[in-house]
PDB file of N, CA and C in Angstrom:
ATOM      1  N   MET A   1       0.851  -1.173   0.000  1.00  0.00           N
ATOM      2  CA  MET A   1       0.000   0.000   0.000  1.00  0.00           C
ATOM      3  C   MET A   1       0.893   1.230   0.000  1.00  0.00           C
ATOM      4  N   ILE A   2       0.581   2.145  -0.888  1.00  0.00           N
ATOM      5  CA  ILE A   2       1.260   3.436  -0.946  1.00  0.00           C
ATOM      6  C   ILE A   2       0.183   4.509  -0.809  1.00  0.00           C
ATOM      7  N   ILE A   3       0.440   5.486   0.037  1.00  0.00           N
ATOM      8  CA  ILE A   3      -0.465   6.622   0.183  1.00  0.00           C
ATOM      9  C   ILE A   3       0.138   7.776  -0.597  1.00  0.00           C
ATOM     10  N   LYS A   4      -0.633   8.315  -1.535  1.00  0.00           N
ATOM     11  CA  LYS A   4      -0.153   9.396  -2.392  1.00  0.00           C
ATOM     12  C   LYS A   4      -0.981  10.661  -2.159  1.00  0.00           C
ATOM     13  N   ASP A   5      -0.372  11.795  -2.434  1.00  0.00           N
ATOM     14  CA  ASP A   5      -1.055  13.096  -2.419  1.00  0.00           C
ATOM     15  C   ASP A   5      -1.848  13.330  -1.137  1.00  0.00           C
ATOM     16  N   TYR A   6      -1.242  13.040   0.001  1.00  0.00           N
ATOM     17  CA  TYR A   6      -1.910  13.193   1.295  1.00  0.00           C
ATOM     18  C   TYR A   6      -2.091  14.663   1.616  1.00  0.00           C
ATOM     19  N   LYS A   7      -3.321  15.053   1.931  1.00  0.00           N
ATOM     20  CA  LYS A   7      -3.618  16.453   2.265  1.00  0.00           C
ATOM     21  C   LYS A   7      -4.478  16.497   3.522  1.00  0.00           C
ATOM     22  N   TYR A   8      -3.977  17.185   4.540  1.00  0.00           N
ATOM     23  CA  TYR A   8      -4.718  17.406   5.772  1.00  0.00           C
ATOM     24  C   TYR A   8      -4.338  18.784   6.274  1.00  0.00           C
ATOM     25  N   GLU A   9      -5.092  19.769   5.851  1.00  0.00           N
ATOM     26  CA  GLU A   9      -4.797  21.152   6.229  1.00  0.00           C
ATOM     27  C   GLU A   9      -5.402  21.486   7.589  1.00  0.00           C
ATOM     28  N   ASN A  10      -6.663  21.143   7.775  1.00  0.00           N
ATOM     29  CA  ASN A  10      -7.355  21.398   9.035  1.00  0.00           C
ATOM     30  C   ASN A  10      -8.602  20.520   9.094  1.00  0.00           C
ATOM     31  N   SER A  11      -9.253  20.508  10.239  1.00  0.00           N
ATOM     32  CA  SER A  11     -10.395  19.614  10.396  1.00  0.00           C
ATOM     33  C   SER A  11     -11.630  20.061   9.614  1.00  0.00           C
ATOM     34  N   ILE A  12     -11.627  21.278   9.109  1.00  0.00           N
ATOM     35  CA  ILE A  12     -12.760  21.752   8.310  1.00  0.00           C
ATOM     36  C   ILE A  12     -12.677  21.220   6.881  1.00  0.00           C
ATOM     37  N   ASP A  13     -11.481  21.235   6.303  1.00  0.00           N
ATOM     38  CA  ASP A  13     -11.308  20.779   4.927  1.00  0.00           C
ATOM     39  C   ASP A  13     -11.328  19.259   4.808  1.00  0.00           C
ATOM     40  N   GLY A  14     -11.018  18.556   5.856  1.00  0.00           N
ATOM     41  CA  GLY A  14     -11.001  17.100   5.821  1.00  0.00           C
ATOM     42  C   GLY A  14      -9.627  16.553   5.475  1.00  0.00           C
ATOM     43  N   ILE A  15      -9.605  15.259   5.215  1.00  0.00           N
ATOM     44  CA  ILE A  15      -8.376  14.563   4.853  1.00  0.00           C
ATOM     45  C   ILE A  15      -8.601  13.921   3.490  1.00  0.00           C
ATOM     46  N   HIS A  16      -7.613  14.083   2.620  1.00  0.00           N
ATOM     47  CA  HIS A  16      -7.730  13.573   1.253  1.00  0.00           C
ATOM     48  C   HIS A  16      -6.429  12.885   0.859  1.00  0.00           C
ATOM     49  N   TYR A  17      -6.516  11.733   0.207  1.00  0.00           N
ATOM     50  CA  TYR A  17      -5.332  11.010  -0.245  1.00  0.00           C
ATOM     51  C   TYR A  17      -5.737   9.940  -1.253  1.00  0.00           C
ATOM     52  N   ILE A  18      -4.744   9.356  -1.858  1.00  0.00           N
ATOM     53  CA  ILE A  18      -4.966   8.271  -2.809  1.00  0.00           C
ATOM     54  C   ILE A  18      -4.296   7.021  -2.256  1.00  0.00           C
ATOM     55  N   ILE A  19      -5.046   5.918  -2.225  1.00  0.00           N
ATOM     56  CA  ILE A  19      -4.496   4.627  -1.810  1.00  0.00           C
ATOM     57  C   ILE A  19      -4.106   3.885  -3.083  1.00  0.00           C
ATOM     58  N   ASP A  20      -2.868   3.439  -3.146  1.00  0.00           N
ATOM     59  CA  ASP A  20      -2.360   2.706  -4.314  1.00  0.00           C
ATOM     60  C   ASP A  20      -1.885   1.327  -3.851  1.00  0.00           C
ATOM     61  N   VAL A  21      -2.504   0.304  -4.405  1.00  0.00           N
ATOM     62  CA  VAL A  21      -2.095  -1.068  -4.115  1.00  0.00           C
ATOM     63  C   VAL A  21      -1.733  -1.707  -5.451  1.00  0.00           C
ATOM     64  N   ASP A  22      -0.440  -1.839  -5.685  1.00  0.00           N
ATOM     65  CA  ASP A  22       0.070  -2.449  -6.919  1.00  0.00           C
ATOM     66  C   ASP A  22      -0.527  -1.818  -8.179  1.00  0.00           C
ATOM     67  N   GLY A  23      -0.643  -0.491  -8.169  1.00  0.00           N
ATOM     68  CA  GLY A  23      -1.143   0.227  -9.338  1.00  0.00           C
ATOM     69  C   GLY A  23      -2.649   0.401  -9.378  1.00  0.00           C
ATOM     70  N   TYR A  24      -3.362  -0.244  -8.499  1.00  0.00           N
ATOM     71  CA  TYR A  24      -4.810  -0.087  -8.420  1.00  0.00           C
ATOM     72  C   TYR A  24      -5.091   1.016  -7.408  1.00  0.00           C
ATOM     73  N   GLU A  25      -5.613   2.159  -7.872  1.00  0.00           N
ATOM     74  CA  GLU A  25      -5.745   3.340  -7.031  1.00  0.00           C
ATOM     75  C   GLU A  25      -7.192   3.644  -6.660  1.00  0.00           C
ATOM     76  N   PHE A  26      -7.316   4.253  -5.480  1.00  0.00           N
ATOM     77  CA  PHE A  26      -8.620   4.701  -4.999  1.00  0.00           C
ATOM     78  C   PHE A  26      -8.432   6.038  -4.306  1.00  0.00           C
ATOM     79  N   GLU A  27      -9.180   7.053  -4.725  1.00  0.00           N
ATOM     80  CA  GLU A  27      -9.109   8.369  -4.103  1.00  0.00           C
ATOM     81  C   GLU A  27     -10.035   8.382  -2.891  1.00  0.00           C
ATOM     82  N   MET A  28      -9.487   8.750  -1.741  1.00  0.00           N
ATOM     83  CA  MET A  28     -10.220   8.702  -0.486  1.00  0.00           C
ATOM     84  C   MET A  28     -10.392  10.091   0.091  1.00  0.00           C
ATOM     85  N   ASN A  29     -11.590  10.386   0.558  1.00  0.00           N
ATOM     86  CA  ASN A  29     -11.902  11.677   1.161  1.00  0.00           C
ATOM     87  C   ASN A  29     -12.644  11.451   2.474  1.00  0.00           C
ATOM     88  N   HIS A  30     -12.138  12.068   3.539  1.00  0.00           N
ATOM     89  CA  HIS A  30     -12.784  12.028   4.852  1.00  0.00           C
ATOM     90  C   HIS A  30     -13.275  13.442   5.140  1.00  0.00           C
ATOM     91  N   THR A  31     -14.502  13.575   5.595  1.00  0.00           N
ATOM     92  CA  THR A  31     -15.029  14.887   5.962  1.00  0.00           C
ATOM     93  C   THR A  31     -15.724  14.791   7.319  1.00  0.00           C
ATOM     94  N   LYS A  32     -15.631  15.859   8.060  1.00  0.00           N
ATOM     95  CA  LYS A  32     -16.294  15.930   9.361  1.00  0.00           C
ATOM     96  C   LYS A  32     -17.710  16.443   9.138  1.00  0.00           C
ATOM     97  N   THR A  33     -18.684  15.770   9.722  1.00  0.00           N
ATOM     98  CA  THR A  33     -20.074  16.181   9.549  1.00  0.00           C
ATOM     99  C   THR A  33     -20.451  17.210  10.615  1.00  0.00           C
ATOM    100  N   GLY A  34     -21.578  17.832  10.421  1.00  0.00           N
ATOM    101  CA  GLY A  34     -22.085  18.790  11.391  1.00  0.00           C
ATOM    102  C   GLY A  34     -22.630  18.127  12.643  1.00  0.00           C
ATOM    103  N   TYR A  35     -22.710  16.808  12.641  1.00  0.00           N
ATOM    104  CA  TYR A  35     -23.253  16.060  13.770  1.00  0.00           C
ATOM    105  C   TYR A  35     -22.163  15.458  14.658  1.00  0.00           C
ATOM    106  N   GLY A  36     -20.908  15.840  14.424  1.00  0.00           N
ATOM    107  CA  GLY A  36     -19.819  15.362  15.260  1.00  0.00           C
ATOM    108  C   GLY A  36     -19.293  13.992  14.896  1.00  0.00           C
ATOM    109  N   SER A  37     -19.471  13.595  13.658  1.00  0.00           N
ATOM    110  CA  SER A  37     -18.928  12.315  13.202  1.00  0.00           C
ATOM    111  C   SER A  37     -18.088  12.541  11.949  1.00  0.00           C
ATOM    112  N   VAL A  38     -17.458  11.496  11.491  1.00  0.00           N
ATOM    113  CA  VAL A  38     -16.641  11.572  10.279  1.00  0.00           C
ATOM    114  C   VAL A  38     -17.239  10.659   9.233  1.00  0.00           C
ATOM    115  N   GLN A  39     -17.281  11.173   8.029  1.00  0.00           N
ATOM    116  CA  GLN A  39     -17.817  10.432   6.891  1.00  0.00           C
ATOM    117  C   GLN A  39     -16.690  10.254   5.887  1.00  0.00           C
ATOM    118  N   HIS A  40     -16.639   9.090   5.228  1.00  0.00           N
ATOM    119  CA  HIS A  40     -15.627   8.896   4.191  1.00  0.00           C
ATOM    120  C   HIS A  40     -16.237   8.191   2.996  1.00  0.00           C
ATOM    121  N   ASP A  41     -15.512   8.246   1.894  1.00  0.00           N
ATOM    122  CA  ASP A  41     -15.990   7.620   0.660  1.00  0.00           C
ATOM    123  C   ASP A  41     -16.213   6.138   0.873  1.00  0.00           C
ATOM    124  N   ASP A  42     -17.127   5.581   0.096  1.00  0.00           N
ATOM    125  CA  ASP A  42     -17.415   4.147   0.146  1.00  0.00           C
ATOM    126  C   ASP A  42     -16.228   3.392  -0.440  1.00  0.00           C
ATOM    127  N   ILE A  43     -15.546   2.660   0.395  1.00  0.00           N
ATOM    128  CA  ILE A  43     -14.319   1.986   0.001  1.00  0.00           C
ATOM    129  C   ILE A  43     -14.513   0.477  -0.174  1.00  0.00           C
ATOM    130  N   TYR A  44     -15.712  -0.024   0.060  1.00  0.00           N
ATOM    131  CA  TYR A  44     -15.920  -1.470   0.111  1.00  0.00           C
ATOM    132  C   TYR A  44     -15.698  -2.174  -1.223  1.00  0.00           C
ATOM    133  N   TYR A  45     -16.061  -1.558  -2.326  1.00  0.00           N
ATOM    134  CA  TYR A  45     -15.804  -2.173  -3.637  1.00  0.00           C
ATOM    135  C   TYR A  45     -14.296  -2.308  -3.857  1.00  0.00           C
ATOM    136  N   PHE A  46     -13.552  -1.262  -3.518  1.00  0.00           N
ATOM    137  CA  PHE A  46     -12.089  -1.278  -3.634  1.00  0.00           C
ATOM    138  C   PHE A  46     -11.506  -2.390  -2.763  1.00  0.00           C
ATOM    139  N   LEU A  47     -11.972  -2.491  -1.524  1.00  0.00           N
ATOM    140  CA  LEU A  47     -11.472  -3.525  -0.615  1.00  0.00           C
ATOM    141  C   LEU A  47     -11.799  -4.930  -1.121  1.00  0.00           C
ATOM    142  N   ASP A  48     -12.968  -5.098  -1.703  1.00  0.00           N
ATOM    143  CA  ASP A  48     -13.329  -6.405  -2.279  1.00  0.00           C
ATOM    144  C   ASP A  48     -12.366  -6.798  -3.397  1.00  0.00           C
ATOM    145  N   GLU A  49     -12.001  -5.820  -4.218  1.00  0.00           N
ATOM    146  CA  GLU A  49     -11.062  -6.083  -5.310  1.00  0.00           C
ATOM    147  C   GLU A  49      -9.694  -6.489  -4.768  1.00  0.00           C
ATOM    148  N   ILE A  50      -9.225  -5.788  -3.755  1.00  0.00           N
ATOM    149  CA  ILE A  50      -7.919  -6.073  -3.162  1.00  0.00           C
ATOM    150  C   ILE A  50      -7.952  -7.427  -2.440  1.00  0.00           C
ATOM    151  N   ALA A  51      -9.057  -7.746  -1.790  1.00  0.00           N
ATOM    152  CA  ALA A  51      -9.177  -8.989  -1.018  1.00  0.00           C
ATOM    153  C   ALA A  51      -9.043 -10.238  -1.887  1.00  0.00           C
ATOM    154  N   GLU A  52      -9.284 -10.103  -3.162  1.00  0.00           N
ATOM    155  CA  GLU A  52      -9.168 -11.259  -4.057  1.00  0.00           C
ATOM    156  C   GLU A  52      -7.754 -11.813  -4.094  1.00  0.00           C
ATOM    157  N   TYR A  53      -6.755 -10.962  -3.820  1.00  0.00           N
ATOM    158  CA  TYR A  53      -5.384 -11.460  -3.862  1.00  0.00           C
ATOM    159  C   TYR A  53      -4.572 -11.169  -2.600  1.00  0.00           C
ATOM    160  N   ASP A  54      -5.088 -10.360  -1.651  1.00  0.00           N
ATOM    161  CA  ASP A  54      -4.309 -10.087  -0.439  1.00  0.00           C
ATOM    162  C   ASP A  54      -5.202  -9.586   0.692  1.00  0.00           C
ATOM    163  N   VAL A  55      -5.652 -10.499   1.531  1.00  0.00           N
ATOM    164  CA  VAL A  55      -6.543 -10.153   2.640  1.00  0.00           C
ATOM    165  C   VAL A  55      -5.818  -9.304   3.682  1.00  0.00           C
ATOM    166  N   GLN A  56      -4.548  -9.565   3.916  1.00  0.00           N
ATOM    167  CA  GLN A  56      -3.790  -8.776   4.892  1.00  0.00           C
ATOM    168  C   GLN A  56      -3.689  -7.312   4.472  1.00  0.00           C
ATOM    169  N   GLU A  57      -3.576  -7.066   3.187  1.00  0.00           N
ATOM    170  CA  GLU A  57      -3.518  -5.690   2.679  1.00  0.00           C
ATOM    171  C   GLU A  57      -4.826  -4.970   2.989  1.00  0.00           C
ATOM    172  N   VAL A  58      -5.935  -5.675   2.863  1.00  0.00           N
ATOM    173  CA  VAL A  58      -7.247  -5.094   3.167  1.00  0.00           C
ATOM    174  C   VAL A  58      -7.303  -4.673   4.638  1.00  0.00           C
ATOM    175  N   GLU A  59      -6.804  -5.515   5.523  1.00  0.00           N
ATOM    176  CA  GLU A  59      -6.804  -5.186   6.941  1.00  0.00           C
ATOM    177  C   GLU A  59      -5.954  -3.949   7.226  1.00  0.00           C
ATOM    178  N   LEU A  60      -4.825  -3.830   6.557  1.00  0.00           N
ATOM    179  CA  LEU A  60      -3.970  -2.649   6.726  1.00  0.00           C
ATOM    180  C   LEU A  60      -4.673  -1.383   6.239  1.00  0.00           C
ATOM    181  N   ILE A  61      -5.346  -1.484   5.117  1.00  0.00           N
ATOM    182  CA  ILE A  61      -6.076  -0.334   4.572  1.00  0.00           C
ATOM    183  C   ILE A  61      -7.189   0.075   5.532  1.00  0.00           C
ATOM    184  N   GLU A  62      -7.943  -0.889   6.030  1.00  0.00           N
ATOM    185  CA  GLU A  62      -9.023  -0.580   6.971  1.00  0.00           C
ATOM    186  C   GLU A  62      -8.488   0.104   8.230  1.00  0.00           C
ATOM    187  N   ASP A  63      -7.361  -0.377   8.744  1.00  0.00           N
ATOM    188  CA  ASP A  63      -6.746   0.251   9.920  1.00  0.00           C
ATOM    189  C   ASP A  63      -6.315   1.679   9.620  1.00  0.00           C
ATOM    190  N   PHE A  64      -5.727   1.904   8.453  1.00  0.00           N
ATOM    191  CA  PHE A  64      -5.286   3.239   8.070  1.00  0.00           C
ATOM    192  C   PHE A  64      -6.481   4.187   7.945  1.00  0.00           C
ATOM    193  N   VAL A  65      -7.551   3.723   7.329  1.00  0.00           N
ATOM    194  CA  VAL A  65      -8.753   4.545   7.155  1.00  0.00           C
ATOM    195  C   VAL A  65      -9.351   4.893   8.522  1.00  0.00           C
ATOM    196  N   ARG A  66      -9.414   3.921   9.428  1.00  0.00           N
ATOM    197  CA  ARG A  66      -9.916   4.174  10.781  1.00  0.00           C
ATOM    198  C   ARG A  66      -9.058   5.217  11.500  1.00  0.00           C
ATOM    199  N   PHE A  67      -7.749   5.114  11.327  1.00  0.00           N
ATOM    200  CA  PHE A  67      -6.835   6.070  11.955  1.00  0.00           C
ATOM    201  C   PHE A  67      -7.072   7.481  11.418  1.00  0.00           C
ATOM    202  N   GLN A  68      -7.307   7.611  10.122  1.00  0.00           N
ATOM    203  CA  GLN A  68      -7.582   8.928   9.530  1.00  0.00           C
ATOM    204  C   GLN A  68      -8.884   9.491  10.075  1.00  0.00           C
ATOM    205  N   ASN A  69      -9.879   8.641  10.255  1.00  0.00           N
ATOM    206  CA  ASN A  69     -11.137   9.089  10.855  1.00  0.00           C
ATOM    207  C   ASN A  69     -10.896   9.630  12.259  1.00  0.00           C
ATOM    208  N   TYR A  70     -10.079   8.930  13.034  1.00  0.00           N
ATOM    209  CA  TYR A  70      -9.749   9.357  14.394  1.00  0.00           C
ATOM    210  C   TYR A  70      -9.054  10.722  14.377  1.00  0.00           C
ATOM    211  N   LEU A  71      -8.068  10.883  13.501  1.00  0.00           N
ATOM    212  CA  LEU A  71      -7.350  12.163  13.412  1.00  0.00           C
ATOM    213  C   LEU A  71      -8.313  13.311  13.146  1.00  0.00           C
ATOM    214  N   LEU A  72      -9.217  13.107  12.219  1.00  0.00           N
ATOM    215  CA  LEU A  72     -10.162  14.159  11.847  1.00  0.00           C
ATOM    216  C   LEU A  72     -11.197  14.384  12.939  1.00  0.00           C
ATOM    217  N   MET A  73     -11.705  13.323  13.512  1.00  0.00           N
ATOM    218  CA  MET A  73     -12.745  13.411  14.541  1.00  0.00           C
ATOM    219  C   MET A  73     -12.276  14.228  15.744  1.00  0.00           C
ATOM    220  N   TYR A  74     -11.040  13.988  16.154  1.00  0.00           N
ATOM    221  CA  TYR A  74     -10.533  14.635  17.354  1.00  0.00           C
ATOM    222  C   TYR A  74      -9.605  15.810  17.060  1.00  0.00           C
ATOM    223  N   GLY A  75      -9.487  16.197  15.797  1.00  0.00           N
ATOM    224  CA  GLY A  75      -8.709  17.371  15.425  1.00  0.00           C
ATOM    225  C   GLY A  75      -7.238  17.255  15.766  1.00  0.00           C
ATOM    226  N   VAL A  76      -6.694  16.070  15.646  1.00  0.00           N
ATOM    227  CA  VAL A  76      -5.283  15.851  15.961  1.00  0.00           C
ATOM    228  C   VAL A  76      -4.424  16.489  14.877  1.00  0.00           C
ATOM    229  N   GLY A  77      -3.568  17.393  15.270  1.00  0.00           N
ATOM    230  CA  GLY A  77      -2.678  18.048  14.320  1.00  0.00           C
ATOM    231  C   GLY A  77      -1.333  17.352  14.270  1.00  0.00           C
ATOM    232  N   PHE A  78      -0.721  17.357  13.119  1.00  0.00           N
ATOM    233  CA  PHE A  78       0.598  16.748  12.967  1.00  0.00           C
ATOM    234  C   PHE A  78       1.244  17.282  11.704  1.00  0.00           C
ATOM    235  N   ALA A  79       2.532  17.049  11.587  1.00  0.00           N
ATOM    236  CA  ALA A  79       3.282  17.428  10.391  1.00  0.00           C
ATOM    237  C   ALA A  79       4.158  16.258   9.997  1.00  0.00           C
ATOM    238  N   LEU A  80       4.291  16.036   8.714  1.00  0.00           N
ATOM    239  CA  LEU A  80       5.159  14.977   8.212  1.00  0.00           C
ATOM    240  C   LEU A  80       6.513  15.600   7.908  1.00  0.00           C
ATOM    241  N   LYS A  81       7.535  15.207   8.662  1.00  0.00           N
ATOM    242  CA  LYS A  81       8.872  15.742   8.451  1.00  0.00           C
ATOM    243  C   LYS A  81       9.683  14.752   7.636  1.00  0.00           C
ATOM    244  N   ASN A  82      10.575  15.288   6.847  1.00  0.00           N
ATOM    245  CA  ASN A  82      11.472  14.466   6.035  1.00  0.00           C
ATOM    246  C   ASN A  82      10.740  13.539   5.079  1.00  0.00           C
ATOM    247  N   ALA A  83       9.548  13.911   4.701  1.00  0.00           N
ATOM    248  CA  ALA A  83       8.807  13.091   3.741  1.00  0.00           C
ATOM    249  C   ALA A  83       9.413  13.287   2.359  1.00  0.00           C
ATOM    250  N   GLU A  84       9.613  12.205   1.674  1.00  0.00           N
ATOM    251  CA  GLU A  84      10.169  12.261   0.332  1.00  0.00           C
ATOM    252  C   GLU A  84       9.137  11.804  -0.673  1.00  0.00           C
ATOM    253  N   GLU A  85       9.170  12.417  -1.832  1.00  0.00           N
ATOM    254  CA  GLU A  85       8.297  11.963  -2.912  1.00  0.00           C
ATOM    255  C   GLU A  85       8.977  10.760  -3.541  1.00  0.00           C
ATOM    256  N   VAL A  86       8.240   9.681  -3.649  1.00  0.00           N
ATOM    257  CA  VAL A  86       8.776   8.455  -4.219  1.00  0.00           C
ATOM    258  C   VAL A  86       8.453   8.425  -5.695  1.00  0.00           C
ATOM    259  N   GLN A  87       9.473   8.250  -6.514  1.00  0.00           N
ATOM    260  CA  GLN A  87       9.280   8.208  -7.956  1.00  0.00           C
ATOM    261  C   GLN A  87       8.944   6.790  -8.375  1.00  0.00           C
ATOM    262  N   ASP A  88       7.868   6.667  -9.146  1.00  0.00           N
ATOM    263  CA  ASP A  88       7.456   5.368  -9.655  1.00  0.00           C
ATOM    264  C   ASP A  88       8.070   5.179 -11.022  1.00  0.00           C
ATOM    265  N   ASP A  89       9.106   4.361 -11.101  1.00  0.00           N
ATOM    266  CA  ASP A  89       9.838   4.158 -12.364  1.00  0.00           C
ATOM    267  C   ASP A  89       9.007   3.515 -13.461  1.00  0.00           C
ATOM    268  N   SER A  90       7.906   2.875 -13.086  1.00  0.00           N
ATOM    269  CA  SER A  90       7.081   2.229 -14.104  1.00  0.00           C
ATOM    270  C   SER A  90       6.311   3.237 -14.948  1.00  0.00           C
ATOM    271  N   LYS A  91       6.235   4.490 -14.496  1.00  0.00           N
ATOM    272  CA  LYS A  91       5.497   5.511 -15.240  1.00  0.00           C
ATOM    273  C   LYS A  91       6.416   6.387 -16.089  1.00  0.00           C
ATOM    274  N   ILE A  92       7.675   6.064 -16.137  1.00  0.00           N
ATOM    275  CA  ILE A  92       8.632   6.862 -16.916  1.00  0.00           C
ATOM    276  C   ILE A  92       8.635   6.410 -18.360  1.00  0.00           C
TER     277      ILE A  92
END
């Protein structure tokens, strides 16, 4: 699993990123609702596709998505230091 284009400016804008599993990508968006909960894109079709060849990867994705919901729900701030952009040589 590779997380691409991760964006988390503040709890109002939400959290946005792309999940990439062996070239199969899914754009994910988490938003905070007016009712004090977090809503995210329907990821179940994507997880079903991934589960066909790697159930452990699905569990990792679900854990990551839950963690992002927690960050947004409780307004946890953080910064990614020393993050490097990884070049995908297959797209050259």
